[in-house]
C-alpha cells in the first residue's frame, strides 16, 4: 500500500518546514510513504526549502494557477507515481500531521473512498463569528446539493483512494473543496468524515481577499457545478420564477 501526501504550495518557504516536520513517515496499513510538493509558481524559496527538507517529489507550475489547478496537478502526479491513497494537506501547517492516520483508516478498512477532515469550525479560535456562520451555511448548502453529510466542506485536509481520485475532474478555478464533495455525492463515491485537529495559525488565508469576494465566488462555483449535474432542475427553477413574475405583473 503506497501513500502519497501532496502539498500544494505558493510562497510557503517559512511555513513548509513546519508542515513537513509535522508529518509522520510511518502509518498503520501503509508500506510506502512519499511526499509530493506542487509548487504553484512560487516567487520565494519554496522549492529550495522543499529539497532541503528531503521531499520525494516536486512538481512545478510555470506561474500561479490557483488552488484548484494545483490540487488536480497533484492528484494527476500522485496517480502516475502509483499512489494507492492520496492525502491532500496545506503548506501553512494548518492541519495536525498525526491525524493523517485518522484520514486514511476508513480507506484502509474498506469503509470509504474519500475522507474529509472535520475541523469543528465552531471551535476554531481565530475564525471570526461571521466566518463561522458563512462556513456553516456553506456546508449546509453543499450537503443539501450533494446528498452527503460532510460538516466541514471547505476543509482541505482529506484523503482519496486511487479509485476515487481517478473519478475526480475539477473544473473550478477557485477551489476544489466544494466541487469534489458535490462530485462524490453525484458519482456515488463512498465519502465520510473524521474529526481532526488544527495547529496555531501561521498566516492569514490567501484563498480570498474579502468576505464579499468569498461569498460571490463560492456561490458562482456551487451554481456552476449544480448546473453541470442537474441542469433540468435549474431550468425548472428559472422557468418557474419567470412564470411567477409574469403572473404577478399581469
C-alpha atoms as a PDB file:
ATOM      1  CA  UNK A   1       0.000   0.000   0.000  1.00  0.00           C
ATOM      2  CA  UNK A   2       1.530   3.278  -1.147  1.00  0.00           C
ATOM      3  CA  UNK A   3       0.523   6.615   0.376  1.00  0.00           C
ATOM      4  CA  UNK A   4       1.425   9.925  -1.260  1.00  0.00           C
ATOM      5  CA  UNK A   5       0.885  13.116   0.727  1.00  0.00           C
ATOM      6  CA  UNK A   6       0.504  16.044  -1.654  1.00  0.00           C
ATOM      7  CA  UNK A   7       1.026  19.640  -0.566  1.00  0.00           C
ATOM      8  CA  UNK A   8       0.074  22.435  -2.997  1.00  0.00           C
ATOM      9  CA  UNK A   9       2.290  25.442  -2.186  1.00  0.00           C
ATOM     10  CA  UNK A  10       2.520  29.080  -3.130  1.00  0.00           C
ATOM     11  CA  UNK A  11       5.266  31.067  -1.388  1.00  0.00           C
ATOM     12  CA  UNK A  12       5.426  28.805   1.662  1.00  0.00           C
ATOM     13  CA  UNK A  13       9.183  28.935   2.388  1.00  0.00           C
ATOM     14  CA  UNK A  14       8.571  29.939   6.022  1.00  0.00           C
ATOM     15  CA  UNK A  15       5.767  27.502   6.874  1.00  0.00           C
ATOM     16  CA  UNK A  16       6.661  24.496   4.706  1.00  0.00           C
ATOM     17  CA  UNK A  17       9.396  23.205   7.064  1.00  0.00           C
ATOM     18  CA  UNK A  18       6.875  23.195   9.933  1.00  0.00           C
ATOM     19  CA  UNK A  19       4.383  21.300   7.789  1.00  0.00           C
ATOM     20  CA  UNK A  20       6.885  18.683   6.647  1.00  0.00           C
ATOM     21  CA  UNK A  21       8.327  18.075  10.105  1.00  0.00           C
ATOM     22  CA  UNK A  22       4.808  17.600  11.462  1.00  0.00           C
ATOM     23  CA  UNK A  23       4.087  14.700   9.071  1.00  0.00           C
ATOM     24  CA  UNK A  24       4.951  11.188  10.306  1.00  0.00           C
ATOM     25  CA  UNK A  25       6.707   8.840   7.904  1.00  0.00           C
ATOM     26  CA  UNK A  26       5.036   5.659   9.143  1.00  0.00           C
ATOM     27  CA  UNK A  27       1.330   4.795   9.235  1.00  0.00           C
ATOM     28  CA  UNK A  28      -0.657   1.691  10.075  1.00  0.00           C
ATOM     29  CA  UNK A  29      -1.562  -0.305   6.975  1.00  0.00           C
ATOM     30  CA  UNK A  30       0.853   1.575   4.702  1.00  0.00           C
ATOM     31  CA  UNK A  31       4.067   0.161   3.223  1.00  0.00           C
ATOM     32  CA  UNK A  32       5.414   3.268   1.468  1.00  0.00           C
ATOM     33  CA  UNK A  33       5.019   6.959   2.335  1.00  0.00           C
ATOM     34  CA  UNK A  34       6.106   9.677  -0.102  1.00  0.00           C
ATOM     35  CA  UNK A  35       5.616  13.451  -0.058  1.00  0.00           C
ATOM     36  CA  UNK A  36       4.823  15.434  -3.191  1.00  0.00           C
ATOM     37  CA  UNK A  37       5.123  19.226  -3.364  1.00  0.00           C
ATOM     38  CA  UNK A  38       3.139  21.084  -6.042  1.00  0.00           C
ATOM     39  CA  UNK A  39       4.802  24.473  -6.456  1.00  0.00           C
ATOM     40  CA  UNK A  40       2.166  26.861  -7.807  1.00  0.00           C
ATOM     41  CA  UNK A  41       4.543  29.387  -9.348  1.00  0.00           C
ATOM     42  CA  UNK A  42       6.197  30.476  -6.102  1.00  0.00           C
ATOM     43  CA  UNK A  43       8.494  33.504  -6.223  1.00  0.00           C
ATOM     44  CA  UNK A  44      10.300  32.725  -2.964  1.00  0.00           C
ATOM     45  CA  UNK A  45      12.480  29.751  -1.898  1.00  0.00           C
ATOM     46  CA  UNK A  46       9.640  27.242  -1.563  1.00  0.00           C
ATOM     47  CA  UNK A  47      11.227  24.768  -3.991  1.00  0.00           C
ATOM     48  CA  UNK A  48      14.701  25.069  -2.467  1.00  0.00           C
ATOM     49  CA  UNK A  49      13.274  24.583   1.029  1.00  0.00           C
ATOM     50  CA  UNK A  50      11.367  21.512  -0.129  1.00  0.00           C
ATOM     51  CA  UNK A  51      14.578  19.999  -1.491  1.00  0.00           C
ATOM     52  CA  UNK A  52      16.468  20.851   1.689  1.00  0.00           C
ATOM     53  CA  UNK A  53      13.766  19.101   3.724  1.00  0.00           C
ATOM     54  CA  UNK A  54      14.120  15.968   1.585  1.00  0.00           C
ATOM     55  CA  UNK A  55      10.705  15.724  -0.070  1.00  0.00           C
ATOM     56  CA  UNK A  56      10.347  12.846  -2.524  1.00  0.00           C
ATOM     57  CA  UNK A  57       8.757  14.639  -5.489  1.00  0.00           C
ATOM     58  CA  UNK A  58       8.385  18.234  -6.699  1.00  0.00           C
ATOM     59  CA  UNK A  59       6.070  19.332  -9.493  1.00  0.00           C
ATOM     60  CA  UNK A  60       6.472  22.944 -10.627  1.00  0.00           C
ATOM     61  CA  UNK A  61       3.844  25.073 -12.373  1.00  0.00           C
ATOM     62  CA  UNK A  62       5.221  27.883 -14.515  1.00  0.00           C
ATOM     63  CA  UNK A  63       3.023  30.541 -12.922  1.00  0.00           C
ATOM     64  CA  UNK A  64       0.451  30.871 -10.158  1.00  0.00           C
ATOM     65  CA  UNK A  65      -2.595  28.976 -11.433  1.00  0.00           C
ATOM     66  CA  UNK A  66      -4.632  28.792  -8.232  1.00  0.00           C
ATOM     67  CA  UNK A  67      -5.592  26.262  -5.611  1.00  0.00           C
ATOM     68  CA  UNK A  68      -7.904  24.130  -7.750  1.00  0.00           C
ATOM     69  CA  UNK A  69      -5.377  23.576 -10.549  1.00  0.00           C
ATOM     70  CA  UNK A  70      -2.584  22.932  -8.063  1.00  0.00           C
ATOM     71  CA  UNK A  71      -4.743  20.306  -6.373  1.00  0.00           C
ATOM     72  CA  UNK A  72      -5.565  18.479  -9.617  1.00  0.00           C
ATOM     73  CA  UNK A  73      -1.919  18.644 -10.730  1.00  0.00           C
ATOM     74  CA  UNK A  74      -1.009  16.885  -7.506  1.00  0.00           C
ATOM     75  CA  UNK A  75      -3.718  14.268  -7.971  1.00  0.00           C
ATOM     76  CA  UNK A  76      -2.562  13.508 -11.520  1.00  0.00           C
ATOM     77  CA  UNK A  77       1.083  13.279 -10.459  1.00  0.00           C
ATOM     78  CA  UNK A  78       0.270  11.059  -7.473  1.00  0.00           C
ATOM     79  CA  UNK A  79      -1.690   8.656  -9.667  1.00  0.00           C
ATOM     80  CA  UNK A  80       1.204   8.448 -12.142  1.00  0.00           C
ATOM     81  CA  UNK A  81       3.543   7.701  -9.238  1.00  0.00           C
ATOM     82  CA  UNK A  82       1.409   4.706  -8.274  1.00  0.00           C
ATOM     83  CA  UNK A  83      -0.391   6.022  -5.186  1.00  0.00           C
ATOM     84  CA  UNK A  84      -2.995   3.732  -3.637  1.00  0.00           C
ATOM     85  CA  UNK A  85      -4.064   6.503  -1.244  1.00  0.00           C
ATOM     86  CA  UNK A  86      -3.597  10.250  -1.701  1.00  0.00           C
ATOM     87  CA  UNK A  87      -3.759  12.713   1.191  1.00  0.00           C
ATOM     88  CA  UNK A  88      -4.040  16.436   0.500  1.00  0.00           C
ATOM     89  CA  UNK A  89      -2.880  18.925   3.113  1.00  0.00           C
ATOM     90  CA  UNK A  90      -1.899  22.601   3.160  1.00  0.00           C
ATOM     91  CA  UNK A  91       1.579  24.113   3.213  1.00  0.00           C
ATOM     92  CA  UNK A  92       0.787  26.526   6.054  1.00  0.00           C
ATOM     93  CA  UNK A  93       0.810  23.784   8.748  1.00  0.00           C
ATOM     94  CA  UNK A  94      -2.886  24.352   9.438  1.00  0.00           C
ATOM     95  CA  UNK A  95      -3.614  20.651   9.999  1.00  0.00           C
ATOM     96  CA  UNK A  96      -2.090  18.250  12.512  1.00  0.00           C
ATOM     97  CA  UNK A  97       0.089  15.781  10.605  1.00  0.00           C
ATOM     98  CA  UNK A  98      -0.506  12.950  13.070  1.00  0.00           C
ATOM     99  CA  UNK A  99      -4.195  12.985  12.108  1.00  0.00           C
ATOM    100  CA  UNK A 100      -3.346  11.675   8.631  1.00  0.00           C
ATOM    101  CA  UNK A 101      -3.810   8.233  10.178  1.00  0.00           C
ATOM    102  CA  UNK A 102      -7.414   9.155  11.014  1.00  0.00           C
ATOM    103  CA  UNK A 103      -7.985  10.198   7.404  1.00  0.00           C
ATOM    104  CA  UNK A 104      -6.646   7.041   5.821  1.00  0.00           C
ATOM    105  CA  UNK A 105      -8.096   4.491   8.276  1.00  0.00           C
ATOM    106  CA  UNK A 106     -11.590   4.368   6.650  1.00  0.00           C
ATOM    107  CA  UNK A 107      -9.956   3.798   3.242  1.00  0.00           C
ATOM    108  CA  UNK A 108      -7.599   1.106   4.532  1.00  0.00           C
ATOM    109  CA  UNK A 109     -10.512  -0.604   6.295  1.00  0.00           C
ATOM    110  CA  UNK A 110     -12.627  -0.517   3.119  1.00  0.00           C
ATOM    111  CA  UNK A 111     -15.308   1.752   4.598  1.00  0.00           C
ATOM    112  CA  UNK A 112     -14.843   4.810   2.350  1.00  0.00           C
ATOM    113  CA  UNK A 113     -13.072   6.071  -0.769  1.00  0.00           C
ATOM    114  CA  UNK A 114     -12.986   9.734   0.217  1.00  0.00           C
ATOM    115  CA  UNK A 115     -12.484  11.119   3.731  1.00  0.00           C
ATOM    116  CA  UNK A 116     -12.789  14.759   4.812  1.00  0.00           C
ATOM    117  CA  UNK A 117     -11.146  16.106   7.964  1.00  0.00           C
ATOM    118  CA  UNK A 118     -13.696  17.918  10.145  1.00  0.00           C
ATOM    119  CA  UNK A 119     -12.087  20.890  11.925  1.00  0.00           C
ATOM    120  CA  UNK A 120     -15.172  21.578  14.081  1.00  0.00           C
ATOM    121  CA  UNK A 121     -15.345  25.111  12.684  1.00  0.00           C
ATOM    122  CA  UNK A 122     -17.364  26.445  15.631  1.00  0.00           C
ATOM    123  CA  UNK A 123     -14.372  25.887  17.931  1.00  0.00           C
ATOM    124  CA  UNK A 124     -11.618  27.475  15.797  1.00  0.00           C
ATOM    125  CA  UNK A 125     -10.476  30.476  17.836  1.00  0.00           C
ATOM    126  CA  UNK A 126      -9.090  32.648  15.024  1.00  0.00           C
ATOM    127  CA  UNK A 127     -12.256  32.364  12.894  1.00  0.00           C
ATOM    128  CA  UNK A 128     -14.497  35.400  13.292  1.00  0.00           C
ATOM    129  CA  UNK A 129     -18.172  34.941  14.132  1.00  0.00           C
ATOM    130  CA  UNK A 130     -19.148  35.939  10.585  1.00  0.00           C
ATOM    131  CA  UNK A 131     -16.665  33.485   9.052  1.00  0.00           C
ATOM    132  CA  UNK A 132     -18.020  30.666  11.225  1.00  0.00           C
ATOM    133  CA  UNK A 133     -21.590  31.461  10.165  1.00  0.00           C
ATOM    134  CA  UNK A 134     -20.598  31.543   6.482  1.00  0.00           C
ATOM    135  CA  UNK A 135     -18.678  28.269   6.784  1.00  0.00           C
ATOM    136  CA  UNK A 136     -21.614  26.532   8.485  1.00  0.00           C
ATOM    137  CA  UNK A 137     -24.138  27.950   5.999  1.00  0.00           C
ATOM    138  CA  UNK A 138     -21.990  26.959   3.039  1.00  0.00           C
ATOM    139  CA  UNK A 139     -21.563  23.450   4.409  1.00  0.00           C
ATOM    140  CA  UNK A 140     -25.345  23.134   4.797  1.00  0.00           C
ATOM    141  CA  UNK A 141     -25.889  24.162   1.158  1.00  0.00           C
ATOM    142  CA  UNK A 142     -23.274  21.718  -0.160  1.00  0.00           C
ATOM    143  CA  UNK A 143     -24.663  18.890   1.977  1.00  0.00           C
ATOM    144  CA  UNK A 144     -28.110  19.561   0.551  1.00  0.00           C
ATOM    145  CA  UNK A 145     -26.925  19.662  -3.061  1.00  0.00           C
ATOM    146  CA  UNK A 146     -24.563  16.692  -2.796  1.00  0.00           C
ATOM    147  CA  UNK A 147     -26.687  14.408  -0.633  1.00  0.00           C
ATOM    148  CA  UNK A 148     -23.760  13.905   1.758  1.00  0.00           C
ATOM    149  CA  UNK A 149     -23.378  14.574   5.481  1.00  0.00           C
ATOM    150  CA  UNK A 150     -19.992  16.348   5.477  1.00  0.00           C
ATOM    151  CA  UNK A 151     -19.975  19.029   8.223  1.00  0.00           C
ATOM    152  CA  UNK A 152     -16.848  20.914   7.073  1.00  0.00           C
ATOM    153  CA  UNK A 153     -16.912  21.133   3.272  1.00  0.00           C
ATOM    154  CA  UNK A 154     -14.088  23.680   2.954  1.00  0.00           C
ATOM    155  CA  UNK A 155     -11.528  21.577   4.804  1.00  0.00           C
ATOM    156  CA  UNK A 156      -8.516  20.907   2.580  1.00  0.00           C
ATOM    157  CA  UNK A 157      -7.328  18.039   4.793  1.00  0.00           C
ATOM    158  CA  UNK A 158      -8.704  14.993   3.006  1.00  0.00           C
ATOM    159  CA  UNK A 159      -7.828  11.541   1.699  1.00  0.00           C
ATOM    160  CA  UNK A 160      -8.767   9.702  -1.509  1.00  0.00           C
ATOM    161  CA  UNK A 161      -8.479   6.121  -2.600  1.00  0.00           C
ATOM    162  CA  UNK A 162      -6.931   5.590  -6.022  1.00  0.00           C
ATOM    163  CA  UNK A 163     -10.358   4.739  -7.449  1.00  0.00           C
ATOM    164  CA  UNK A 164     -11.938   7.937  -6.112  1.00  0.00           C
ATOM    165  CA  UNK A 165      -9.043  10.110  -7.300  1.00  0.00           C
ATOM    166  CA  UNK A 166      -9.351   8.737 -10.822  1.00  0.00           C
ATOM    167  CA  UNK A 167     -13.022   9.774 -10.936  1.00  0.00           C
ATOM    168  CA  UNK A 168     -12.454  13.393  -9.913  1.00  0.00           C
ATOM    169  CA  UNK A 169     -12.445  16.156 -12.521  1.00  0.00           C
ATOM    170  CA  UNK A 170     -12.327  19.646 -11.033  1.00  0.00           C
ATOM    171  CA  UNK A 171     -13.432  22.405 -13.430  1.00  0.00           C
ATOM    172  CA  UNK A 172     -13.492  25.287 -10.935  1.00  0.00           C
ATOM    173  CA  UNK A 173     -10.513  27.651 -10.925  1.00  0.00           C
ATOM    174  CA  UNK A 174     -11.380  28.920  -7.432  1.00  0.00           C
ATOM    175  CA  UNK A 175     -11.248  25.892  -5.136  1.00  0.00           C
ATOM    176  CA  UNK A 176     -11.543  22.123  -5.314  1.00  0.00           C
ATOM    177  CA  UNK A 177     -13.106  21.661  -1.873  1.00  0.00           C
ATOM    178  CA  UNK A 178     -16.778  22.239  -2.712  1.00  0.00           C
ATOM    179  CA  UNK A 179     -16.721  20.647  -6.149  1.00  0.00           C
ATOM    180  CA  UNK A 180     -15.122  17.363  -5.098  1.00  0.00           C
ATOM    181  CA  UNK A 181     -17.743  16.802  -2.399  1.00  0.00           C
ATOM    182  CA  UNK A 182     -20.617  17.507  -4.798  1.00  0.00           C
ATOM    183  CA  UNK A 183     -18.983  15.165  -7.326  1.00  0.00           C
ATOM    184  CA  UNK A 184     -18.645  12.469  -4.678  1.00  0.00           C
ATOM    185  CA  UNK A 185     -22.356  12.693  -3.942  1.00  0.00           C
ATOM    186  CA  UNK A 186     -23.427  12.707  -7.596  1.00  0.00           C
ATOM    187  CA  UNK A 187     -20.997   9.940  -8.630  1.00  0.00           C
ATOM    188  CA  UNK A 188     -21.894   7.742  -5.651  1.00  0.00           C
ATOM    189  CA  UNK A 189     -18.352   7.758  -4.254  1.00  0.00           C
ATOM    190  CA  UNK A 190     -18.312   6.452  -0.687  1.00  0.00           C
ATOM    191  CA  UNK A 191     -17.488   9.528   1.398  1.00  0.00           C
ATOM    192  CA  UNK A 192     -17.192  10.087   5.134  1.00  0.00           C
ATOM    193  CA  UNK A 193     -15.615  12.491   7.618  1.00  0.00           C
ATOM    194  CA  UNK A 194     -13.445  12.224  10.734  1.00  0.00           C
ATOM    195  CA  UNK A 195     -12.635  14.766  13.456  1.00  0.00           C
ATOM    196  CA  UNK A 196      -9.174  16.293  13.106  1.00  0.00           C
ATOM    197  CA  UNK A 197      -7.087  18.836  14.971  1.00  0.00           C
ATOM    198  CA  UNK A 198      -5.667  22.129  13.735  1.00  0.00           C
ATOM    199  CA  UNK A 199      -2.427  23.868  14.661  1.00  0.00           C
ATOM    200  CA  UNK A 200      -1.988  27.523  15.547  1.00  0.00           C
ATOM    201  CA  UNK A 201      -2.445  29.880  12.601  1.00  0.00           C
ATOM    202  CA  UNK A 202       0.835  30.733  10.865  1.00  0.00           C
ATOM    203  CA  UNK A 203      -0.548  33.254   8.350  1.00  0.00           C
ATOM    204  CA  UNK A 204      -3.876  34.699   7.106  1.00  0.00           C
ATOM    205  CA  UNK A 205      -5.832  32.785   4.472  1.00  0.00           C
ATOM    206  CA  UNK A 206      -4.933  33.616   0.856  1.00  0.00           C
ATOM    207  CA  UNK A 207      -7.958  31.980  -0.747  1.00  0.00           C
ATOM    208  CA  UNK A 208      -9.977  35.202  -0.903  1.00  0.00           C
ATOM    209  CA  UNK A 209      -9.353  38.903  -0.453  1.00  0.00           C
ATOM    210  CA  UNK A 210     -12.588  39.718   1.391  1.00  0.00           C
ATOM    211  CA  UNK A 211     -15.766  38.149   2.749  1.00  0.00           C
ATOM    212  CA  UNK A 212     -17.953  39.504  -0.134  1.00  0.00           C
ATOM    213  CA  UNK A 213     -15.448  38.102  -2.652  1.00  0.00           C
ATOM    214  CA  UNK A 214     -15.535  34.702  -0.929  1.00  0.00           C
ATOM    215  CA  UNK A 215     -19.344  34.631  -0.918  1.00  0.00           C
ATOM    216  CA  UNK A 216     -19.586  35.663  -4.584  1.00  0.00           C
ATOM    217  CA  UNK A 217     -17.040  33.134  -5.813  1.00  0.00           C
ATOM    218  CA  UNK A 218     -18.454  30.313  -3.669  1.00  0.00           C
ATOM    219  CA  UNK A 219     -21.999  30.898  -4.955  1.00  0.00           C
ATOM    220  CA  UNK A 220     -20.685  31.003  -8.526  1.00  0.00           C
ATOM    221  CA  UNK A 221     -18.788  27.734  -8.036  1.00  0.00           C
ATOM    222  CA  UNK A 222     -21.717  25.917  -6.424  1.00  0.00           C
ATOM    223  CA  UNK A 223     -24.184  27.115  -9.087  1.00  0.00           C
ATOM    224  CA  UNK A 224     -21.901  26.099 -11.955  1.00  0.00           C
ATOM    225  CA  UNK A 225     -21.377  22.602 -10.512  1.00  0.00           C
ATOM    226  CA  UNK A 226     -25.103  22.192  -9.778  1.00  0.00           C
ATOM    227  CA  UNK A 227     -25.938  23.156 -13.364  1.00  0.00           C
ATOM    228  CA  UNK A 228     -23.482  20.552 -14.608  1.00  0.00           C
ATOM    229  CA  UNK A 229     -25.108  17.715 -12.677  1.00  0.00           C
ATOM    230  CA  UNK A 230     -28.755  18.785 -12.503  1.00  0.00           C
ATOM    231  CA  UNK A 231     -29.435  21.112 -15.470  1.00  0.00           C
ATOM    232  CA  UNK A 232     -33.151  20.218 -15.723  1.00  0.00           C
ATOM    233  CA  UNK A 233     -33.762  21.162 -12.107  1.00  0.00           C
ATOM    234  CA  UNK A 234     -32.001  24.510 -12.602  1.00  0.00           C
ATOM    235  CA  UNK A 235     -34.030  25.299 -15.719  1.00  0.00           C
ATOM    236  CA  UNK A 236     -37.262  24.282 -13.956  1.00  0.00           C
ATOM    237  CA  UNK A 237     -36.499  26.700 -11.106  1.00  0.00           C
ATOM    238  CA  UNK A 238     -35.632  29.519 -13.517  1.00  0.00           C
ATOM    239  CA  UNK A 239     -38.709  28.810 -15.633  1.00  0.00           C
ATOM    240  CA  UNK A 240     -40.915  28.699 -12.556  1.00  0.00           C
ATOM    241  CA  UNK A 241     -39.523  32.031 -11.367  1.00  0.00           C
ATOM    242  CA  UNK A 242     -40.179  33.638 -14.779  1.00  0.00           C
ATOM    243  CA  UNK A 243     -43.754  32.320 -14.824  1.00  0.00           C
ATOM    244  CA  UNK A 244     -44.327  33.598 -11.290  1.00  0.00           C
ATOM    245  CA  UNK A 245     -43.003  37.045 -12.152  1.00  0.00           C
ATOM    246  CA  UNK A 246     -45.114  37.102 -15.317  1.00  0.00           C
ATOM    247  CA  UNK A 247     -48.240  36.206 -13.338  1.00  0.00           C
ATOM    248  CA  UNK A 248     -47.503  38.848 -10.685  1.00  0.00           C
ATOM    249  CA  UNK A 249     -47.101  41.631 -13.237  1.00  0.00           C
ATOM    250  CA  UNK A 250     -50.074  40.748 -15.457  1.00  0.00           C
END
